[in-house]
Each structure stands twice: as C-alpha cells, then as structure tokens.
Amino acid sequence: MSYKTILVHVDHSAHAPARIALAARIAADNNAHLIGAAMTGISRFIYHGATVDLARTVLAAQVDVLVDKANDALARFDAIAGAIAGLSFERRLVHDDAAGALVQQARYADLVVVSQFDRDDPVARLDSELPAYVMLNSACPLLVVPYANAAATFGEHALVAWDESLPASRAVANSLPLLRRARKTTLAVFNAGDEPRLAGADIALYLARHDVNVEVRAGETNIDVGNALLSLAADLGADLMVMGGYGHTRFREVLLGGATQTVLAAMTIPVLMSH
C-alpha cells in the first residue's frame, strides 16, 4: 500500500509553504500525484442551480478578486511543487468554501494535508474548525501540520496512539505508507489494565507483518490522554503522531473528543488522524 493521490490545502496563510512542502515531499516519497486545491470561499451551492448570473450582479467584482487571490496562492503552490524533479502535480481552483471543498475533493484522495489552526493567522481565523471538520467528514486520513513545528525531521520516529477503537484502527491502517518508512515506531497504550488486547500486542504484530519497526510502550497516566500523548512525543523526540480522531458534526458545528481536541490545539509535530 502507498499513497497515490495526495490533496493539500492551498491558501494565503503564512503556514501554507510548509504545508505544501511537506505534502510534496510525501508525494515524491510515494511516487504519488499531488493536487493543490485553492478555494474562492464562495459556497458551491450559490453556483449550483442558481437562477442568477453572478457575472451580472454587484458581486462580480468581489468574485474576481477572490479568484485572483486563489490563483496567486496556486502560483506559490506551483513554485514549491515544481522545484521537486519528476513530481506529478496539478493545481485546482475551486468555487467553494475551504471546508466543503476539501471534504468533497478528499473522496478522490488517499491523504489530505492541512495546517493546524493558528489564532494569530488572519487567514486561518476565517474557519477555525477546518482541520476537525475535514477529519470528521472524510473517509481518507488527514495530516495536520503544526504552525509551530518543533521537529526538524518528519516520519523518522512515529508515535502511534492505540486504544483498540475503530478510529485508531483506521489511523494505523491509513498511516502504513509512513510507518513503513519510519526508522522507529512507538505504540503507546495508556491505562490498559488487565485487558490483554488493549495492551498492544496484537496491533504490534499486525504492524510487524507490514515491516514496521515497532515497539510497545504501555503505561498508566493520571492526566488526560491527549496531554499524555503530547508529553510522551516530546520525551521520545517523535516527529509524527498517529491517532484516531473522535467527535461528530451537527450541521457545521464540530464536537470533538477530549484527546482529539487537546492534540489539535497543542500539537508541535505533524499528526495523522482518521475518524
């Protein structure tokens, strides 16, 4: 298994170059096709079935401005992706809001790459729940790149959070292309008690059969699991975290599980999540 289509969110954020560069690197490592998608921010539902020609309304000038901004962002994507020799890539200009477009485009991708929400970034403030919304509404995994990346490397030492849940199982399976490349993978199990299946032996064997160099680290914690994972990642010097994403959406409201919310808010290394 390897990733063959990777989708990366393209915008004018100060964090976009790092996000695009990491997506391009993963695409190159997997001989995958990279798609950079930039959105105008105008919902596609305004266009679909509309009885009004937007080109003939007072909105026309504003639409042109939004299209120009998206194309400028795509030019930056072209420059970053084009610097990698032999990389297959394409740009996409999408008339939609970022969250809706990424969820729709993710149906045809193996991995989606976005940035962590940064409250000091004026572009990110337009949709503070973008990473969580895309994760909860996509079948493919989401790689979230931190705005303050503490790791100089990527994917050399992966930390996998395991609790035997369906989201955790999906995250493990969806991260195999990355885990197989990792020099080391640590499987973290917290508060397993006397339940042998939760202790990680079965999933460690599964990973070993996929040629993943894995070791199990089981232990007890008195703090919440999200902070325990972040602390362990720092202690180990991990440069990638893999975990299940928990929560649900109600209309466009996002309700997250405790560990998921904590990691998305305080992460300092890239995190791959599956719901």
Protein backbone atom coordinates (compact mmCIF):
# COMPACT_ATOMS: atom_id res chain seq x y z
CA MET A 1 0.00 0.00 0.00
CA SER A 2 1.17 3.52 -0.78
CA TYR A 3 -0.43 6.91 -1.26
CA LYS A 4 -1.12 7.64 -4.93
CA THR A 5 -3.17 10.85 -4.69
CA ILE A 6 -2.40 13.50 -2.09
CA LEU A 7 -4.55 16.61 -1.64
CA VAL A 8 -3.11 19.72 0.01
CA HIS A 9 -4.99 22.85 1.05
CA VAL A 10 -3.59 25.94 -0.67
CA ASP A 11 -4.26 29.46 0.61
CA HIS A 12 -2.50 32.72 1.54
CA SER A 13 -1.67 31.64 5.08
CA ALA A 14 1.88 32.19 6.30
CA HIS A 15 1.89 28.46 7.08
CA ALA A 16 0.98 27.38 3.54
CA PRO A 17 4.56 26.97 2.23
CA ALA A 18 5.50 24.49 4.98
CA ARG A 19 2.24 22.60 4.47
CA ILE A 20 2.73 22.41 0.70
CA ALA A 21 6.40 21.44 1.02
CA LEU A 22 5.59 18.55 3.37
CA ALA A 23 2.78 17.32 1.11
CA ALA A 24 5.13 17.50 -1.89
CA ARG A 25 7.78 15.53 -0.01
CA ILE A 26 5.33 12.77 0.89
CA ALA A 27 4.08 12.67 -2.69
CA ALA A 28 7.63 12.33 -4.00
CA ASP A 29 8.42 9.55 -1.50
CA ASN A 30 5.35 7.61 -2.59
CA ASN A 31 5.55 8.38 -6.31
CA ALA A 32 2.12 9.96 -5.85
CA HIS A 33 0.20 12.67 -7.68
CA LEU A 34 -0.11 15.92 -5.71
CA ILE A 35 -3.19 18.14 -6.01
CA GLY A 36 -3.10 21.68 -4.68
CA ALA A 37 -6.62 22.99 -4.12
CA ALA A 38 -7.30 26.70 -3.58
CA MET A 39 -10.81 27.87 -2.86
CA THR A 40 -12.51 31.17 -3.62
CA GLY A 41 -14.52 30.95 -0.40
CA ILE A 42 -17.86 31.22 -2.19
CA SER A 43 -20.05 28.21 -1.47
CA ARG A 44 -20.63 25.95 -4.46
CA PHE A 45 -24.33 25.93 -3.64
CA ILE A 46 -24.56 29.52 -4.84
CA TYR A 47 -23.49 28.33 -8.29
CA HIS A 48 -25.34 25.02 -8.50
CA GLY A 49 -28.84 25.56 -9.72
CA ALA A 50 -28.57 29.32 -9.33
CA THR A 51 -31.09 31.34 -11.30
CA VAL A 52 -28.94 34.48 -11.03
CA ASP A 53 -25.89 35.06 -13.21
CA LEU A 54 -23.26 36.25 -10.71
CA ALA A 55 -21.35 37.94 -13.50
CA ARG A 56 -24.26 40.35 -13.85
CA THR A 57 -24.55 41.24 -10.17
CA VAL A 58 -22.72 43.64 -7.85
CA LEU A 59 -20.85 40.59 -6.53
CA ALA A 60 -18.99 40.14 -9.81
CA ALA A 61 -16.07 42.41 -8.87
CA GLN A 62 -15.64 40.70 -5.50
CA VAL A 63 -15.73 37.26 -7.12
CA ASP A 64 -12.97 38.37 -9.50
CA VAL A 65 -10.86 39.49 -6.53
CA LEU A 66 -11.33 36.15 -4.77
CA VAL A 67 -10.42 34.24 -7.94
CA ASP A 68 -7.28 36.34 -8.37
CA LYS A 69 -6.25 35.67 -4.75
CA ALA A 70 -6.77 31.93 -5.18
CA ASN A 71 -4.70 31.95 -8.37
CA ASP A 72 -1.91 33.83 -6.58
CA ALA A 73 -1.89 31.14 -3.90
CA LEU A 74 -1.79 28.46 -6.57
CA ALA A 75 1.21 30.15 -8.18
CA ARG A 76 3.06 29.66 -4.89
CA PHE A 77 1.99 26.01 -4.91
CA ASP A 78 3.29 25.61 -8.47
CA ALA A 79 6.67 27.05 -7.46
CA ILE A 80 7.09 24.74 -4.45
CA ALA A 81 5.84 21.58 -6.17
CA GLY A 82 7.70 22.36 -9.38
CA ALA A 83 11.01 22.53 -7.51
CA ILE A 84 10.89 18.75 -6.95
CA ALA A 85 12.19 17.00 -10.05
CA GLY A 86 9.79 14.48 -11.54
CA LEU A 87 6.91 15.23 -9.17
CA SER A 88 3.44 14.78 -10.70
CA PHE A 89 1.19 17.63 -9.59
CA GLU A 90 -1.73 19.81 -10.59
CA ARG A 91 -3.46 22.95 -9.35
CA ARG A 92 -7.20 23.23 -8.78
CA LEU A 93 -9.23 26.39 -8.41
CA VAL A 94 -12.45 25.50 -6.62
CA HIS A 95 -15.51 27.72 -6.27
CA ASP A 96 -16.44 26.72 -2.74
CA ASP A 97 -15.61 27.35 0.90
CA ALA A 98 -12.44 25.61 2.09
CA ALA A 99 -14.04 23.04 4.38
CA GLY A 100 -16.72 21.97 1.92
CA ALA A 101 -14.30 21.75 -0.99
CA LEU A 102 -11.69 19.73 0.90
CA VAL A 103 -14.30 17.25 2.11
CA GLN A 104 -15.61 16.81 -1.42
CA GLN A 105 -12.14 16.55 -3.02
CA ALA A 106 -10.99 14.12 -0.29
CA ARG A 107 -13.29 11.47 -1.75
CA TYR A 108 -10.74 11.04 -4.53
CA ALA A 109 -7.55 11.21 -2.46
CA ASP A 110 -5.51 8.89 -0.23
CA LEU A 111 -4.33 11.65 2.11
CA VAL A 112 -5.34 15.26 2.83
CA VAL A 113 -2.83 17.75 4.22
CA VAL A 114 -3.92 20.88 6.13
CA SER A 115 -2.45 23.16 8.79
CA GLN A 116 -3.26 23.37 12.47
CA PHE A 117 -5.46 26.33 13.40
CA ASP A 118 -3.41 29.37 14.40
CA ARG A 119 -5.45 32.08 16.08
CA ASP A 120 -2.81 34.65 15.15
CA ASP A 121 -3.14 33.88 11.45
CA PRO A 122 -5.81 36.14 9.87
CA VAL A 123 -6.39 33.61 7.06
CA ALA A 124 -6.94 30.70 9.47
CA ARG A 125 -9.39 32.74 11.55
CA LEU A 126 -11.86 32.52 8.68
CA ASP A 127 -12.51 28.87 9.63
CA SER A 128 -11.09 27.86 13.00
CA GLU A 129 -12.59 24.36 12.80
CA LEU A 130 -11.29 23.47 9.35
CA PRO A 131 -8.96 20.57 10.39
CA ALA A 132 -11.56 18.99 12.67
CA TYR A 133 -14.40 19.37 10.18
CA VAL A 134 -12.43 17.81 7.32
CA MET A 135 -11.23 14.96 9.54
CA LEU A 136 -14.73 14.12 10.76
CA ASN A 137 -16.29 14.24 7.30
CA SER A 138 -13.64 12.48 5.20
CA ALA A 139 -13.04 8.80 4.58
CA CYS A 140 -9.33 9.29 3.98
CA PRO A 141 -6.77 10.26 6.65
CA LEU A 142 -5.92 13.84 7.49
CA LEU A 143 -2.36 15.02 8.13
CA VAL A 144 -2.32 18.18 10.23
CA VAL A 145 0.88 20.24 10.09
CA PRO A 146 1.55 22.31 13.23
CA TYR A 147 2.04 26.05 12.89
CA ALA A 148 4.94 25.80 15.36
CA ASN A 149 6.73 22.66 14.18
CA ALA A 150 9.18 21.55 16.86
CA ALA A 151 10.64 18.71 14.75
CA ALA A 152 13.45 19.20 12.25
CA THR A 153 12.60 15.84 10.64
CA PHE A 154 9.41 14.11 9.59
CA GLY A 155 8.38 10.48 9.94
CA GLU A 156 11.61 9.07 11.33
CA HIS A 157 10.13 8.26 14.74
CA ALA A 158 6.37 7.80 14.76
CA LEU A 159 4.24 7.68 17.89
CA VAL A 160 1.01 5.68 17.46
CA ALA A 161 -1.82 6.07 19.98
CA TRP A 162 -3.66 2.79 20.46
CA ASP A 163 -6.94 2.07 22.29
CA GLU A 164 -8.40 -0.67 20.05
CA SER A 165 -11.14 1.65 18.77
CA LEU A 166 -12.35 1.82 15.17
CA PRO A 167 -10.82 5.28 14.59
CA ALA A 168 -7.47 4.08 15.97
CA SER A 169 -7.59 1.00 13.72
CA ARG A 170 -8.29 3.18 10.70
CA ALA A 171 -5.49 5.55 11.62
CA VAL A 172 -2.98 2.70 11.89
CA ALA A 173 -4.01 1.20 8.54
CA ASN A 174 -4.07 4.60 6.83
CA SER A 175 -0.61 5.50 8.10
CA LEU A 176 1.16 2.37 6.88
CA PRO A 177 2.94 4.12 3.98
CA LEU A 178 4.52 6.46 6.54
CA LEU A 179 5.13 3.89 9.27
CA ARG A 180 6.97 1.55 6.90
CA ARG A 181 9.40 4.36 6.12
CA ALA A 182 9.92 5.28 9.78
CA ARG A 183 13.16 4.33 11.44
CA LYS A 184 11.19 3.52 14.60
CA THR A 185 7.53 3.36 15.64
CA THR A 186 6.44 3.52 19.27
CA LEU A 187 2.96 2.18 20.03
CA ALA A 188 1.57 3.99 23.09
CA VAL A 189 -1.07 2.32 25.24
CA PHE A 190 -2.39 4.07 28.34
CA ASN A 191 -4.34 2.56 31.22
CA ALA A 192 -4.85 -0.86 29.61
CA GLY A 193 -5.26 -2.55 32.99
CA ASP A 194 -5.66 -6.31 32.81
CA GLU A 195 -7.19 -6.33 29.33
CA PRO A 196 -4.58 -8.13 27.16
CA ARG A 197 -6.00 -6.95 23.84
CA LEU A 198 -5.65 -3.32 24.89
CA ALA A 199 -2.00 -3.83 25.81
CA GLY A 200 -0.98 -3.55 22.16
CA ALA A 201 0.48 -6.98 21.40
CA ASP A 202 -1.99 -7.81 18.61
CA ILE A 203 -1.66 -4.49 16.78
CA ALA A 204 2.13 -4.62 17.18
CA LEU A 205 2.16 -7.99 15.41
CA TYR A 206 -0.05 -6.55 12.68
CA LEU A 207 2.41 -3.70 12.16
CA ALA A 208 5.42 -6.02 12.25
CA ARG A 209 3.91 -8.10 9.44
CA HIS A 210 3.85 -4.88 7.42
CA ASP A 211 7.59 -4.46 8.03
CA VAL A 212 7.11 -1.69 10.59
CA ASN A 213 9.84 -1.49 13.23
CA VAL A 214 7.54 -1.22 16.23
CA GLU A 215 7.84 -1.41 20.00
CA VAL A 216 5.02 -1.19 22.54
CA ARG A 217 5.10 1.31 25.37
CA ALA A 218 2.31 0.61 27.84
CA GLY A 219 1.76 2.61 30.99
CA GLU A 220 -0.62 4.32 33.34
CA THR A 221 -1.40 8.02 33.35
CA ASN A 222 -3.28 10.25 35.76
CA ILE A 223 -3.58 13.10 33.27
CA ASP A 224 -5.83 13.20 30.22
CA VAL A 225 -4.70 11.05 27.32
CA GLY A 226 -4.21 13.97 24.94
CA ASN A 227 -1.66 15.65 27.20
CA ALA A 228 -0.07 12.28 27.98
CA LEU A 229 0.48 11.71 24.26
CA LEU A 230 1.96 15.17 23.73
CA SER A 231 4.28 14.69 26.70
CA LEU A 232 5.39 11.26 25.50
CA ALA A 233 6.00 12.56 21.98
CA ALA A 234 8.28 15.26 23.40
CA ASP A 235 10.12 12.78 25.64
CA LEU A 236 10.74 10.39 22.74
CA GLY A 237 11.66 13.07 20.22
CA ALA A 238 8.92 11.76 17.91
CA ASP A 239 8.35 13.66 14.67
CA LEU A 240 4.97 12.16 13.71
CA MET A 241 1.90 11.18 15.72
CA VAL A 242 -0.80 8.79 14.51
CA MET A 243 -4.15 8.61 16.29
CA GLY A 244 -7.86 8.13 15.86
CA GLY A 245 -9.97 11.28 15.70
CA TYR A 246 -13.08 11.33 17.85
CA GLY A 247 -16.13 13.56 17.56
CA HIS A 248 -19.07 14.39 15.35
CA THR A 249 -20.59 17.30 13.49
CA ARG A 250 -24.03 18.84 13.84
CA PHE A 251 -24.68 20.94 10.78
CA ARG A 252 -21.34 22.86 10.72
CA GLU A 253 -20.76 22.68 14.47
CA VAL A 254 -17.85 20.44 15.45
CA LEU A 255 -17.90 18.47 18.71
CA LEU A 256 -14.61 16.74 19.47
CA GLY A 257 -13.46 14.11 21.94
CA GLY A 258 -11.14 15.27 24.71
CA ALA A 259 -7.87 13.78 23.45
CA THR A 260 -8.55 14.85 19.87
CA GLN A 261 -9.30 18.42 20.91
CA THR A 262 -6.22 18.61 23.13
CA VAL A 263 -3.84 17.32 20.45
CA LEU A 264 -5.26 19.56 17.71
CA ALA A 265 -4.87 22.58 19.98
CA ALA A 266 -1.39 21.91 21.40
CA MET A 267 0.42 19.73 18.82
CA THR A 268 4.01 20.61 17.90
CA ILE A 269 4.64 17.73 15.44
CA PRO A 270 2.56 16.60 12.44
CA VAL A 271 -0.41 14.45 13.40
CA LEU A 272 -2.18 11.95 11.15
CA MET A 273 -5.81 11.40 12.18
CA SER A 274 -8.56 9.12 10.92
CA HIS A 275 -12.17 9.13 12.05
